[in-house]
Amino acid sequence: MPDPKDRIITPCPSGCWEVKAPGATRAGLHASSRSEAMQWAWNITRGTGGQVIAYWSDGSSACAPTAPERPANATTAPPEPREDLAA
């Protein structure tokens, strides 16, 4: 059974793509393209450790890799070189 932190992407009969939480009856997003739905789902699962499960029109599925974690200090400058390591 999928984890509540996961997001499931399914195609709609109208041609759009839906992103839902497991067990949800309503979609959190209706996207015009599969890539847009994937990006949105990755953004949701990024900090939770959830997975993105994408279904194709033929019903087959694939578990997409989770979006890479952004380091907590990603906005800070790189550390200055240490003098004792300088050659």
PDB file of N, CA and C in Angstrom:
ATOM      1  N   MET A   1       0.848  -1.188   0.000  1.00  0.00           N
ATOM      2  CA  MET A   1       0.000   0.000   0.000  1.00  0.00           C
ATOM      3  C   MET A   1       0.890   1.247   0.000  1.00  0.00           C
ATOM      4  N   PRO A   2       0.562   2.218  -0.829  1.00  0.00           N
ATOM      5  CA  PRO A   2       1.376   3.440  -0.889  1.00  0.00           C
ATOM      6  C   PRO A   2       1.338   4.215   0.430  1.00  0.00           C
ATOM      7  N   ASP A   3       2.409   4.881   0.682  1.00  0.00           N
ATOM      8  CA  ASP A   3       2.560   5.724   1.860  1.00  0.00           C
ATOM      9  C   ASP A   3       1.759   7.011   1.652  1.00  0.00           C
ATOM     10  N   PRO A   4       1.156   7.578   2.696  1.00  0.00           N
ATOM     11  CA  PRO A   4       0.416   8.846   2.542  1.00  0.00           C
ATOM     12  C   PRO A   4       1.283   9.996   2.022  1.00  0.00           C
ATOM     13  N   LYS A   5       2.620   9.860   2.148  1.00  0.00           N
ATOM     14  CA  LYS A   5       3.526  10.902   1.650  1.00  0.00           C
ATOM     15  C   LYS A   5       3.742  10.795   0.143  1.00  0.00           C
ATOM     16  N   ASP A   6       3.337   9.671  -0.465  1.00  0.00           N
ATOM     17  CA  ASP A   6       3.515   9.466  -1.898  1.00  0.00           C
ATOM     18  C   ASP A   6       2.515  10.297  -2.696  1.00  0.00           C
ATOM     19  N   ARG A   7       2.785  10.453  -3.980  1.00  0.00           N
ATOM     20  CA  ARG A   7       1.839  11.089  -4.900  1.00  0.00           C
ATOM     21  C   ARG A   7       1.705  10.186  -6.110  1.00  0.00           C
ATOM     22  N   ILE A   8       0.479  10.064  -6.606  1.00  0.00           N
ATOM     23  CA  ILE A   8       0.160   9.177  -7.718  1.00  0.00           C
ATOM     24  C   ILE A   8      -0.294  10.022  -8.905  1.00  0.00           C
ATOM     25  N   ILE A   9       0.314   9.766 -10.061  1.00  0.00           N
ATOM     26  CA  ILE A   9      -0.017  10.498 -11.283  1.00  0.00           C
ATOM     27  C   ILE A   9      -0.755   9.553 -12.215  1.00  0.00           C
ATOM     28  N   THR A  10      -1.933   9.979 -12.653  1.00  0.00           N
ATOM     29  CA  THR A  10      -2.743   9.159 -13.564  1.00  0.00           C
ATOM     30  C   THR A  10      -3.265  10.016 -14.714  1.00  0.00           C
ATOM     31  N   PRO A  11      -3.420   9.411 -15.888  1.00  0.00           N
ATOM     32  CA  PRO A  11      -4.006  10.156 -17.006  1.00  0.00           C
ATOM     33  C   PRO A  11      -5.517  10.256 -16.854  1.00  0.00           C
ATOM     34  N   CYS A  12      -6.084  11.347 -17.333  1.00  0.00           N
ATOM     35  CA  CYS A  12      -7.541  11.551 -17.325  1.00  0.00           C
ATOM     36  C   CYS A  12      -8.085  11.266 -18.719  1.00  0.00           C
ATOM     37  N   PRO A  13      -9.346  10.893 -18.817  1.00  0.00           N
ATOM     38  CA  PRO A  13      -9.955  10.700 -20.136  1.00  0.00           C
ATOM     39  C   PRO A  13      -9.936  11.971 -20.993  1.00  0.00           C
ATOM     40  N   SER A  14      -9.914  13.131 -20.342  1.00  0.00           N
ATOM     41  CA  SER A  14      -9.923  14.399 -21.077  1.00  0.00           C
ATOM     42  C   SER A  14      -8.559  14.762 -21.653  1.00  0.00           C
ATOM     43  N   GLY A  15      -7.523  13.965 -21.322  1.00  0.00           N
ATOM     44  CA  GLY A  15      -6.192  14.231 -21.854  1.00  0.00           C
ATOM     45  C   GLY A  15      -5.242  14.898 -20.885  1.00  0.00           C
ATOM     46  N   CYS A  16      -5.740  15.340 -19.731  1.00  0.00           N
ATOM     47  CA  CYS A  16      -4.857  15.955 -18.746  1.00  0.00           C
ATOM     48  C   CYS A  16      -4.310  14.872 -17.810  1.00  0.00           C
ATOM     49  N   TRP A  17      -3.498  15.278 -16.865  1.00  0.00           N
ATOM     50  CA  TRP A  17      -2.903  14.361 -15.890  1.00  0.00           C
ATOM     51  C   TRP A  17      -3.284  14.818 -14.496  1.00  0.00           C
ATOM     52  N   GLU A  18      -3.634  13.872 -13.625  1.00  0.00           N
ATOM     53  CA  GLU A  18      -4.013  14.177 -12.245  1.00  0.00           C
ATOM     54  C   GLU A  18      -2.917  13.735 -11.294  1.00  0.00           C
ATOM     55  N   VAL A  19      -2.726  14.524 -10.233  1.00  0.00           N
ATOM     56  CA  VAL A  19      -1.822  14.163  -9.152  1.00  0.00           C
ATOM     57  C   VAL A  19      -2.675  14.023  -7.898  1.00  0.00           C
ATOM     58  N   LYS A  20      -2.616  12.828  -7.287  1.00  0.00           N
ATOM     59  CA  LYS A  20      -3.419  12.556  -6.094  1.00  0.00           C
ATOM     60  C   LYS A  20      -2.551  11.975  -4.990  1.00  0.00           C
ATOM     61  N   ALA A  21      -3.004  12.156  -3.762  1.00  0.00           N
ATOM     62  CA  ALA A  21      -2.427  11.446  -2.630  1.00  0.00           C
ATOM     63  C   ALA A  21      -3.077  10.061  -2.605  1.00  0.00           C
ATOM     64  N   PRO A  22      -2.408   9.045  -2.081  1.00  0.00           N
ATOM     65  CA  PRO A  22      -3.003   7.711  -2.017  1.00  0.00           C
ATOM     66  C   PRO A  22      -4.331   7.736  -1.259  1.00  0.00           C
ATOM     67  N   GLY A  23      -5.333   7.131  -1.838  1.00  0.00           N
ATOM     68  CA  GLY A  23      -6.652   7.062  -1.220  1.00  0.00           C
ATOM     69  C   GLY A  23      -7.528   8.280  -1.432  1.00  0.00           C
ATOM     70  N   ALA A  24      -6.999   9.329  -2.054  1.00  0.00           N
ATOM     71  CA  ALA A  24      -7.782  10.552  -2.279  1.00  0.00           C
ATOM     72  C   ALA A  24      -8.793  10.340  -3.395  1.00  0.00           C
ATOM     73  N   THR A  25      -9.947  10.962  -3.263  1.00  0.00           N
ATOM     74  CA  THR A  25     -10.959  10.885  -4.315  1.00  0.00           C
ATOM     75  C   THR A  25     -10.847  12.051  -5.285  1.00  0.00           C
ATOM     76  N   ARG A  26     -10.239  13.130  -4.831  1.00  0.00           N
ATOM     77  CA  ARG A  26     -10.062  14.300  -5.695  1.00  0.00           C
ATOM     78  C   ARG A  26      -8.587  14.543  -5.948  1.00  0.00           C
ATOM     79  N   ALA A  27      -8.307  15.073  -7.105  1.00  0.00           N
ATOM     80  CA  ALA A  27      -6.923  15.371  -7.470  1.00  0.00           C
ATOM     81  C   ALA A  27      -6.459  16.664  -6.820  1.00  0.00           C
ATOM     82  N   GLY A  28      -5.191  16.707  -6.469  1.00  0.00           N
ATOM     83  CA  GLY A  28      -4.592  17.930  -5.954  1.00  0.00           C
ATOM     84  C   GLY A  28      -4.196  18.865  -7.084  1.00  0.00           C
ATOM     85  N   LEU A  29      -4.030  18.284  -8.284  1.00  0.00           N
ATOM     86  CA  LEU A  29      -3.636  19.075  -9.449  1.00  0.00           C
ATOM     87  C   LEU A  29      -4.118  18.405 -10.719  1.00  0.00           C
ATOM     88  N   HIS A  30      -4.594  19.188 -11.655  1.00  0.00           N
ATOM     89  CA  HIS A  30      -4.875  18.752 -13.030  1.00  0.00           C
ATOM     90  C   HIS A  30      -3.846  19.461 -13.895  1.00  0.00           C
ATOM     91  N   ALA A  31      -2.943  18.700 -14.482  1.00  0.00           N
ATOM     92  CA  ALA A  31      -1.869  19.274 -15.290  1.00  0.00           C
ATOM     93  C   ALA A  31      -2.108  18.971 -16.759  1.00  0.00           C
ATOM     94  N   SER A  32      -1.661  19.868 -17.626  1.00  0.00           N
ATOM     95  CA  SER A  32      -1.846  19.662 -19.056  1.00  0.00           C
ATOM     96  C   SER A  32      -0.832  18.682 -19.641  1.00  0.00           C
ATOM     97  N   SER A  33       0.298  18.473 -18.939  1.00  0.00           N
ATOM     98  CA  SER A  33       1.301  17.529 -19.434  1.00  0.00           C
ATOM     99  C   SER A  33       1.773  16.627 -18.296  1.00  0.00           C
ATOM    100  N   ARG A  34       2.280  15.485 -18.681  1.00  0.00           N
ATOM    101  CA  ARG A  34       2.782  14.541 -17.688  1.00  0.00           C
ATOM    102  C   ARG A  34       4.004  15.124 -16.972  1.00  0.00           C
ATOM    103  N   SER A  35       4.858  15.828 -17.706  1.00  0.00           N
ATOM    104  CA  SER A  35       6.054  16.406 -17.085  1.00  0.00           C
ATOM    105  C   SER A  35       5.681  17.477 -16.056  1.00  0.00           C
ATOM    106  N   GLU A  36       4.640  18.249 -16.322  1.00  0.00           N
ATOM    107  CA  GLU A  36       4.180  19.245 -15.358  1.00  0.00           C
ATOM    108  C   GLU A  36       3.666  18.554 -14.091  1.00  0.00           C
ATOM    109  N   ALA A  37       2.932  17.461 -14.264  1.00  0.00           N
ATOM    110  CA  ALA A  37       2.428  16.703 -13.121  1.00  0.00           C
ATOM    111  C   ALA A  37       3.575  16.096 -12.316  1.00  0.00           C
ATOM    112  N   MET A  38       4.595  15.579 -13.018  1.00  0.00           N
ATOM    113  CA  MET A  38       5.750  14.997 -12.340  1.00  0.00           C
ATOM    114  C   MET A  38       6.485  16.060 -11.518  1.00  0.00           C
ATOM    115  N   GLN A  39       6.698  17.227 -12.099  1.00  0.00           N
ATOM    116  CA  GLN A  39       7.406  18.294 -11.387  1.00  0.00           C
ATOM    117  C   GLN A  39       6.650  18.700 -10.134  1.00  0.00           C
ATOM    118  N   TRP A  40       5.339  18.842 -10.238  1.00  0.00           N
ATOM    119  CA  TRP A  40       4.531  19.240  -9.098  1.00  0.00           C
ATOM    120  C   TRP A  40       4.593  18.164  -8.013  1.00  0.00           C
ATOM    121  N   ALA A  41       4.476  16.907  -8.416  1.00  0.00           N
ATOM    122  CA  ALA A  41       4.523  15.801  -7.451  1.00  0.00           C
ATOM    123  C   ALA A  41       5.883  15.727  -6.776  1.00  0.00           C
ATOM    124  N   TRP A  42       6.971  15.920  -7.526  1.00  0.00           N
ATOM    125  CA  TRP A  42       8.305  15.921  -6.935  1.00  0.00           C
ATOM    126  C   TRP A  42       8.448  17.051  -5.920  1.00  0.00           C
ATOM    127  N   ASN A  43       7.909  18.212  -6.229  1.00  0.00           N
ATOM    128  CA  ASN A  43       7.981  19.328  -5.293  1.00  0.00           C
ATOM    129  C   ASN A  43       7.245  19.012  -3.997  1.00  0.00           C
ATOM    130  N   ILE A  44       6.133  18.308  -4.084  1.00  0.00           N
ATOM    131  CA  ILE A  44       5.360  17.938  -2.893  1.00  0.00           C
ATOM    132  C   ILE A  44       6.121  16.910  -2.059  1.00  0.00           C
ATOM    133  N   THR A  45       6.705  15.911  -2.714  1.00  0.00           N
ATOM    134  CA  THR A  45       7.351  14.819  -1.982  1.00  0.00           C
ATOM    135  C   THR A  45       8.793  15.125  -1.584  1.00  0.00           C
ATOM    136  N   ARG A  46       9.340  16.203  -2.049  1.00  0.00           N
ATOM    137  CA  ARG A  46      10.758  16.515  -1.834  1.00  0.00           C
ATOM    138  C   ARG A  46      11.170  16.448  -0.368  1.00  0.00           C
ATOM    139  N   GLY A  47      10.477  17.102   0.502  1.00  0.00           N
ATOM    140  CA  GLY A  47      10.868  17.140   1.902  1.00  0.00           C
ATOM    141  C   GLY A  47      10.292  16.029   2.754  1.00  0.00           C
ATOM    142  N   THR A  48       9.402  15.221   2.200  1.00  0.00           N
ATOM    143  CA  THR A  48       8.728  14.208   3.002  1.00  0.00           C
ATOM    144  C   THR A  48       9.313  12.816   2.863  1.00  0.00           C
ATOM    145  N   GLY A  49      10.103  12.591   1.806  1.00  0.00           N
ATOM    146  CA  GLY A  49      10.623  11.254   1.576  1.00  0.00           C
ATOM    147  C   GLY A  49       9.653  10.362   0.833  1.00  0.00           C
ATOM    148  N   GLY A  50       8.538  10.924   0.376  1.00  0.00           N
ATOM    149  CA  GLY A  50       7.570  10.148  -0.384  1.00  0.00           C
ATOM    150  C   GLY A  50       8.049   9.876  -1.799  1.00  0.00           C
ATOM    151  N   GLN A  51       7.358   8.986  -2.480  1.00  0.00           N
ATOM    152  CA  GLN A  51       7.701   8.637  -3.849  1.00  0.00           C
ATOM    153  C   GLN A  51       6.628   9.116  -4.804  1.00  0.00           C
ATOM    154  N   VAL A  52       7.008   9.245  -6.062  1.00  0.00           N
ATOM    155  CA  VAL A  52       6.068   9.602  -7.125  1.00  0.00           C
ATOM    156  C   VAL A  52       5.809   8.332  -7.923  1.00  0.00           C
ATOM    157  N   ILE A  53       4.545   7.926  -7.985  1.00  0.00           N
ATOM    158  CA  ILE A  53       4.146   6.740  -8.730  1.00  0.00           C
ATOM    159  C   ILE A  53       3.341   7.214  -9.928  1.00  0.00           C
ATOM    160  N   ALA A  54       3.858   6.971 -11.109  1.00  0.00           N
ATOM    161  CA  ALA A  54       3.228   7.477 -12.334  1.00  0.00           C
ATOM    162  C   ALA A  54       2.641   6.320 -13.136  1.00  0.00           C
ATOM    163  N   TYR A  55       1.414   6.473 -13.569  1.00  0.00           N
ATOM    164  CA  TYR A  55       0.745   5.486 -14.411  1.00  0.00           C
ATOM    165  C   TYR A  55       0.682   5.997 -15.840  1.00  0.00           C
ATOM    166  N   TRP A  56       0.853   5.096 -16.781  1.00  0.00           N
ATOM    167  CA  TRP A  56       0.732   5.423 -18.195  1.00  0.00           C
ATOM    168  C   TRP A  56      -0.698   5.184 -18.656  1.00  0.00           C
ATOM    169  N   SER A  57      -1.026   5.606 -19.855  1.00  0.00           N
ATOM    170  CA  SER A  57      -2.376   5.441 -20.400  1.00  0.00           C
ATOM    171  C   SER A  57      -2.785   3.974 -20.501  1.00  0.00           C
ATOM    172  N   ASP A  58      -1.798   3.077 -20.689  1.00  0.00           N
ATOM    173  CA  ASP A  58      -2.114   1.651 -20.812  1.00  0.00           C
ATOM    174  C   ASP A  58      -2.281   0.967 -19.452  1.00  0.00           C
ATOM    175  N   GLY A  59      -2.135   1.709 -18.362  1.00  0.00           N
ATOM    176  CA  GLY A  59      -2.317   1.165 -17.027  1.00  0.00           C
ATOM    177  C   GLY A  59      -1.036   0.702 -16.363  1.00  0.00           C
ATOM    178  N   SER A  60       0.060   0.640 -17.108  1.00  0.00           N
ATOM    179  CA  SER A  60       1.323   0.238 -16.494  1.00  0.00           C
ATOM    180  C   SER A  60       1.845   1.385 -15.634  1.00  0.00           C
ATOM    181  N   SER A  61       2.648   1.024 -14.641  1.00  0.00           N
ATOM    182  CA  SER A  61       3.147   2.052 -13.731  1.00  0.00           C
ATOM    183  C   SER A  61       4.650   1.943 -13.567  1.00  0.00           C
ATOM    184  N   ALA A  62       5.207   3.016 -13.086  1.00  0.00           N
ATOM    185  CA  ALA A  62       6.625   3.060 -12.751  1.00  0.00           C
ATOM    186  C   ALA A  62       6.783   3.976 -11.559  1.00  0.00           C
ATOM    187  N   CYS A  63       7.645   3.585 -10.660  1.00  0.00           N
ATOM    188  CA  CYS A  63       7.929   4.423  -9.509  1.00  0.00           C
ATOM    189  C   CYS A  63       9.071   5.350  -9.904  1.00  0.00           C
ATOM    190  N   ALA A  64       8.774   6.620  -9.987  1.00  0.00           N
ATOM    191  CA  ALA A  64       9.786   7.597 -10.384  1.00  0.00           C
ATOM    192  C   ALA A  64      10.708   7.871  -9.209  1.00  0.00           C
ATOM    193  N   PRO A  65      11.956   8.102  -9.495  1.00  0.00           N
ATOM    194  CA  PRO A  65      12.853   8.439  -8.390  1.00  0.00           C
ATOM    195  C   PRO A  65      12.411   9.736  -7.734  1.00  0.00           C
ATOM    196  N   THR A  66      12.640   9.830  -6.463  1.00  0.00           N
ATOM    197  CA  THR A  66      12.256  11.045  -5.762  1.00  0.00           C
ATOM    198  C   THR A  66      13.165  12.186  -6.182  1.00  0.00           C
ATOM    199  N   ALA A  67      12.680  13.380  -6.034  1.00  0.00           N
ATOM    200  CA  ALA A  67      13.483  14.555  -6.359  1.00  0.00           C
ATOM    201  C   ALA A  67      14.654  14.638  -5.403  1.00  0.00           C
ATOM    202  N   PRO A  68      15.786  15.085  -5.867  1.00  0.00           N
ATOM    203  CA  PRO A  68      16.938  15.165  -4.976  1.00  0.00           C
ATOM    204  C   PRO A  68      16.704  16.157  -3.846  1.00  0.00           C
ATOM    205  N   GLU A  69      17.184  15.799  -2.686  1.00  0.00           N
ATOM    206  CA  GLU A  69      17.062  16.684  -1.528  1.00  0.00           C
ATOM    207  C   GLU A  69      17.965  17.894  -1.723  1.00  0.00           C
ATOM    208  N   ARG A  70      17.477  19.029  -1.375  1.00  0.00           N
ATOM    209  CA  ARG A  70      18.295  20.236  -1.418  1.00  0.00           C
ATOM    210  C   ARG A  70      18.958  20.383  -0.059  1.00  0.00           C
ATOM    211  N   PRO A  71      20.272  20.504  -0.016  1.00  0.00           N
ATOM    212  CA  PRO A  71      20.936  20.638   1.283  1.00  0.00           C
ATOM    213  C   PRO A  71      20.417  21.847   2.045  1.00  0.00           C
ATOM    214  N   ALA A  72      20.378  21.731   3.353  1.00  0.00           N
ATOM    215  CA  ALA A  72      19.862  22.816   4.187  1.00  0.00           C
ATOM    216  C   ALA A  72      20.666  24.093   4.010  1.00  0.00           C
ATOM    217  N   ASN A  73      21.945  23.967   3.710  1.00  0.00           N
ATOM    218  CA  ASN A  73      22.787  25.151   3.569  1.00  0.00           C
ATOM    219  C   ASN A  73      23.023  25.505   2.099  1.00  0.00           C
ATOM    220  N   ALA A  74      22.103  25.175   1.225  1.00  0.00           N
ATOM    221  CA  ALA A  74      22.289  25.383  -0.213  1.00  0.00           C
ATOM    222  C   ALA A  74      22.409  26.859  -0.581  1.00  0.00           C
ATOM    223  N   THR A  75      21.865  27.738   0.218  1.00  0.00           N
ATOM    224  CA  THR A  75      21.914  29.164  -0.121  1.00  0.00           C
ATOM    225  C   THR A  75      23.144  29.855   0.468  1.00  0.00           C
ATOM    226  N   THR A  76      23.914  29.140   1.264  1.00  0.00           N
ATOM    227  CA  THR A  76      25.093  29.761   1.859  1.00  0.00           C
ATOM    228  C   THR A  76      26.283  29.619   0.921  1.00  0.00           C
ATOM    229  N   ALA A  77      27.254  30.479   1.102  1.00  0.00           N
ATOM    230  CA  ALA A  77      28.464  30.448   0.276  1.00  0.00           C
ATOM    231  C   ALA A  77      29.324  29.244   0.680  1.00  0.00           C
ATOM    232  N   PRO A  78      30.144  28.754  -0.241  1.00  0.00           N
ATOM    233  CA  PRO A  78      31.029  27.649   0.129  1.00  0.00           C
ATOM    234  C   PRO A  78      32.018  28.093   1.199  1.00  0.00           C
ATOM    235  N   PRO A  79      32.479  27.167   2.025  1.00  0.00           N
ATOM    236  CA  PRO A  79      33.408  27.555   3.093  1.00  0.00           C
ATOM    237  C   PRO A  79      34.733  28.034   2.528  1.00  0.00           C
ATOM    238  N   GLU A  80      35.368  28.897   3.262  1.00  0.00           N
ATOM    239  CA  GLU A  80      36.677  29.404   2.871  1.00  0.00           C
ATOM    240  C   GLU A  80      37.710  28.274   3.043  1.00  0.00           C
ATOM    241  N   PRO A  81      38.733  28.235   2.185  1.00  0.00           N
ATOM    242  CA  PRO A  81      39.752  27.201   2.349  1.00  0.00           C
ATOM    243  C   PRO A  81      40.498  27.384   3.663  1.00  0.00           C
ATOM    244  N   ARG A  82      40.835  26.265   4.261  1.00  0.00           N
ATOM    245  CA  ARG A  82      41.575  26.308   5.522  1.00  0.00           C
ATOM    246  C   ARG A  82      43.034  26.579   5.254  1.00  0.00           C
ATOM    247  N   GLU A  83      43.642  27.441   6.076  1.00  0.00           N
ATOM    248  CA  GLU A  83      45.043  27.809   5.884  1.00  0.00           C
ATOM    249  C   GLU A  83      45.980  26.638   6.126  1.00  0.00           C
ATOM    250  N   ASP A  84      45.620  25.764   7.086  1.00  0.00           N
ATOM    251  CA  ASP A  84      46.513  24.654   7.408  1.00  0.00           C
ATOM    252  C   ASP A  84      46.524  23.578   6.309  1.00  0.00           C
ATOM    253  N   LEU A  85      45.584  23.641   5.363  1.00  0.00           N
ATOM    254  CA  LEU A  85      45.549  22.683   4.266  1.00  0.00           C
ATOM    255  C   LEU A  85      46.122  23.262   2.983  1.00  0.00           C
ATOM    256  N   ALA A  86      46.364  24.568   2.975  1.00  0.00           N
ATOM    257  CA  ALA A  86      46.897  25.208   1.775  1.00  0.00           C
ATOM    258  C   ALA A  86      48.344  24.775   1.544  1.00  0.00           C
ATOM    259  N   ALA A  87      48.679  24.557   0.287  1.00  0.00           N
ATOM    260  CA  ALA A  87      50.042  24.107  -0.028  1.00  0.00           C
ATOM    261  C   ALA A  87      50.956  25.271  -0.310  1.00  0.00           C
TER     262      ALA A  87
END
